[in-house]
Structures are given as C-alpha cells and as structure tokens.
C-alpha atoms as a PDB file:
ATOM      1  CA  UNK A   1       8.711  11.308  19.710  1.00  0.00           C
ATOM      2  CA  UNK A   2       5.150  11.386  21.036  1.00  0.00           C
ATOM      3  CA  UNK A   3       3.888  12.608  17.667  1.00  0.00           C
ATOM      4  CA  UNK A   4       5.526   9.624  15.964  1.00  0.00           C
ATOM      5  CA  UNK A   5       3.836   7.163  18.317  1.00  0.00           C
ATOM      6  CA  UNK A   6       0.474   8.828  17.813  1.00  0.00           C
ATOM      7  CA  UNK A   7       0.827   8.733  14.018  1.00  0.00           C
ATOM      8  CA  UNK A   8       1.976   5.101  14.192  1.00  0.00           C
ATOM      9  CA  UNK A   9      -1.041   4.180  16.323  1.00  0.00           C
ATOM     10  CA  UNK A  10      -3.333   5.959  13.843  1.00  0.00           C
ATOM     11  CA  UNK A  11      -1.693   4.111  10.949  1.00  0.00           C
ATOM     12  CA  UNK A  12      -2.156   0.736  12.673  1.00  0.00           C
ATOM     13  CA  UNK A  13      -5.793   1.567  13.382  1.00  0.00           C
ATOM     14  CA  UNK A  14      -6.367   2.485   9.742  1.00  0.00           C
ATOM     15  CA  UNK A  15      -4.740  -0.743   8.593  1.00  0.00           C
ATOM     16  CA  UNK A  16      -6.872  -2.814  10.950  1.00  0.00           C
ATOM     17  CA  UNK A  17     -10.051  -1.103   9.813  1.00  0.00           C
ATOM     18  CA  UNK A  18      -9.182  -1.547   6.147  1.00  0.00           C
ATOM     19  CA  UNK A  19      -8.228  -5.219   6.469  1.00  0.00           C
ATOM     20  CA  UNK A  20      -4.658  -4.508   5.373  1.00  0.00           C
ATOM     21  CA  UNK A  21      -3.208  -5.169   8.829  1.00  0.00           C
ATOM     22  CA  UNK A  22      -2.892  -8.916   8.296  1.00  0.00           C
ATOM     23  CA  UNK A  23      -1.047  -8.405   5.014  1.00  0.00           C
ATOM     24  CA  UNK A  24       1.367  -5.865   6.480  1.00  0.00           C
ATOM     25  CA  UNK A  25       1.917  -7.983   9.597  1.00  0.00           C
ATOM     26  CA  UNK A  26       2.754 -11.027   7.450  1.00  0.00           C
ATOM     27  CA  UNK A  27       5.222  -9.034   5.349  1.00  0.00           C
ATOM     28  CA  UNK A  28       6.905  -7.409   8.368  1.00  0.00           C
ATOM     29  CA  UNK A  29       7.301 -10.717  10.204  1.00  0.00           C
ATOM     30  CA  UNK A  30       8.555 -12.352   7.030  1.00  0.00           C
ATOM     31  CA  UNK A  31      11.219  -9.668   6.618  1.00  0.00           C
ATOM     32  CA  UNK A  32      12.558 -10.593  10.042  1.00  0.00           C
ATOM     33  CA  UNK A  33      12.660 -14.288   9.124  1.00  0.00           C
ATOM     34  CA  UNK A  34      14.316 -13.570   5.769  1.00  0.00           C
ATOM     35  CA  UNK A  35      16.972 -11.405   7.415  1.00  0.00           C
ATOM     36  CA  UNK A  36      17.617 -14.050  10.075  1.00  0.00           C
ATOM     37  CA  UNK A  37      18.031 -16.684   7.356  1.00  0.00           C
ATOM     38  CA  UNK A  38      20.644 -14.602   5.544  1.00  0.00           C
ATOM     39  CA  UNK A  39      22.599 -14.177   8.768  1.00  0.00           C
ATOM     40  CA  UNK A  40      22.240 -17.855   9.721  1.00  0.00           C
ATOM     41  CA  UNK A  41      23.416 -18.985   6.292  1.00  0.00           C
ATOM     42  CA  UNK A  42      26.334 -16.535   6.453  1.00  0.00           C
ATOM     43  CA  UNK A  43      25.558 -15.236   2.959  1.00  0.00           C
ATOM     44  CA  UNK A  44      26.464 -11.810   1.698  1.00  0.00           C
ATOM     45  CA  UNK A  45      23.652  -9.705   0.262  1.00  0.00           C
ATOM     46  CA  UNK A  46      24.571 -10.415  -3.361  1.00  0.00           C
ATOM     47  CA  UNK A  47      24.563 -14.213  -2.916  1.00  0.00           C
ATOM     48  CA  UNK A  48      21.372 -14.099  -0.882  1.00  0.00           C
ATOM     49  CA  UNK A  49      19.611 -11.995  -3.524  1.00  0.00           C
ATOM     50  CA  UNK A  50      20.747 -14.484  -6.175  1.00  0.00           C
ATOM     51  CA  UNK A  51      19.284 -17.332  -4.101  1.00  0.00           C
ATOM     52  CA  UNK A  52      15.953 -15.503  -3.992  1.00  0.00           C
ATOM     53  CA  UNK A  53      16.090 -14.567  -7.662  1.00  0.00           C
ATOM     54  CA  UNK A  54      15.982 -10.802  -7.207  1.00  0.00           C
ATOM     55  CA  UNK A  55      18.479  -8.025  -7.893  1.00  0.00           C
ATOM     56  CA  UNK A  56      20.553  -7.130  -4.848  1.00  0.00           C
ATOM     57  CA  UNK A  57      19.357  -3.527  -4.744  1.00  0.00           C
ATOM     58  CA  UNK A  58      15.714  -4.688  -4.810  1.00  0.00           C
ATOM     59  CA  UNK A  59      16.307  -7.034  -1.892  1.00  0.00           C
ATOM     60  CA  UNK A  60      18.069  -4.302   0.078  1.00  0.00           C
ATOM     61  CA  UNK A  61      15.179  -1.914  -0.552  1.00  0.00           C
ATOM     62  CA  UNK A  62      12.577  -4.525   0.420  1.00  0.00           C
ATOM     63  CA  UNK A  63      14.420  -5.379   3.624  1.00  0.00           C
ATOM     64  CA  UNK A  64      14.729  -1.695   4.513  1.00  0.00           C
ATOM     65  CA  UNK A  65      11.033  -1.149   3.888  1.00  0.00           C
ATOM     66  CA  UNK A  66      11.821   1.270   1.063  1.00  0.00           C
ATOM     67  CA  UNK A  67      10.319  -0.951  -1.623  1.00  0.00           C
ATOM     68  CA  UNK A  68       7.000  -2.698  -1.401  1.00  0.00           C
ATOM     69  CA  UNK A  69       6.475  -6.397  -1.882  1.00  0.00           C
ATOM     70  CA  UNK A  70       3.409  -8.558  -2.276  1.00  0.00           C
ATOM     71  CA  UNK A  71       2.256 -11.467  -0.192  1.00  0.00           C
ATOM     72  CA  UNK A  72       2.922 -13.689  -3.212  1.00  0.00           C
ATOM     73  CA  UNK A  73       6.535 -12.539  -3.576  1.00  0.00           C
ATOM     74  CA  UNK A  74       7.148 -12.771   0.146  1.00  0.00           C
ATOM     75  CA  UNK A  75       5.711 -16.289   0.244  1.00  0.00           C
ATOM     76  CA  UNK A  76       7.949 -17.257  -2.696  1.00  0.00           C
ATOM     77  CA  UNK A  77      11.046 -15.975  -0.871  1.00  0.00           C
ATOM     78  CA  UNK A  78      10.094 -17.979   2.213  1.00  0.00           C
ATOM     79  CA  UNK A  79       9.447 -21.079   0.095  1.00  0.00           C
ATOM     80  CA  UNK A  80      12.871 -20.751  -1.530  1.00  0.00           C
ATOM     81  CA  UNK A  81      14.348 -20.658   1.975  1.00  0.00           C
ATOM     82  CA  UNK A  82      12.581 -23.907   2.867  1.00  0.00           C
ATOM     83  CA  UNK A  83       9.547 -22.556   4.694  1.00  0.00           C
ATOM     84  CA  UNK A  84       6.013 -23.821   4.242  1.00  0.00           C
ATOM     85  CA  UNK A  85       3.210 -21.299   4.575  1.00  0.00           C
ATOM     86  CA  UNK A  86       0.020 -22.508   6.227  1.00  0.00           C
ATOM     87  CA  UNK A  87      -3.063 -20.449   6.899  1.00  0.00           C
ATOM     88  CA  UNK A  88      -5.800 -21.364   9.323  1.00  0.00           C
ATOM     89  CA  UNK A  89      -9.293 -19.973   9.521  1.00  0.00           C
END
C-alpha cells in the first residue's frame, strides 16, 4: 500500500508542475457532484445518461474514471443539471 501512496503523491506532484492539476481536480470534483445528482434525482443510469445526452456505457466509464472527459464536456453535464460554473482569478 505504501508504494501506491508514493506513486499517487508523485502523480499529483507531476500534475501540479505541469498545470494539469486544476483540470483534473475540477473533473474529479465534478464526478462527485454528478453522481450525487443522479442519486438525489433517483434516476437509473440509463435515464441519467439520456438526460446528459451520452450513451449509458460512456457515462459509466466516465464515472468510474475509465474514460476521459474534457473540461468542456464536464461543464456541459453540470450545466444540464442546473449548475452554473464560475471561475475567479
């Protein structure tokens, strides 16, 4: 287990140094919100995927972290769920 934590810490460090950390953090946090919305709305995976306009298997893969997604797609999913994205600098 120690090796996993060390590799994870190295991965996070690499992301931070490359500037990709913010993108990955946004996507990971958004996955949690999207999952919570599906549960709160009491929708099965097929109906939820239809609401977001994606095939069910794609949504399942995205939520499991097996399929990548872009910031643009993630923002669109959140928008369709009624969220407004605001960035501050």
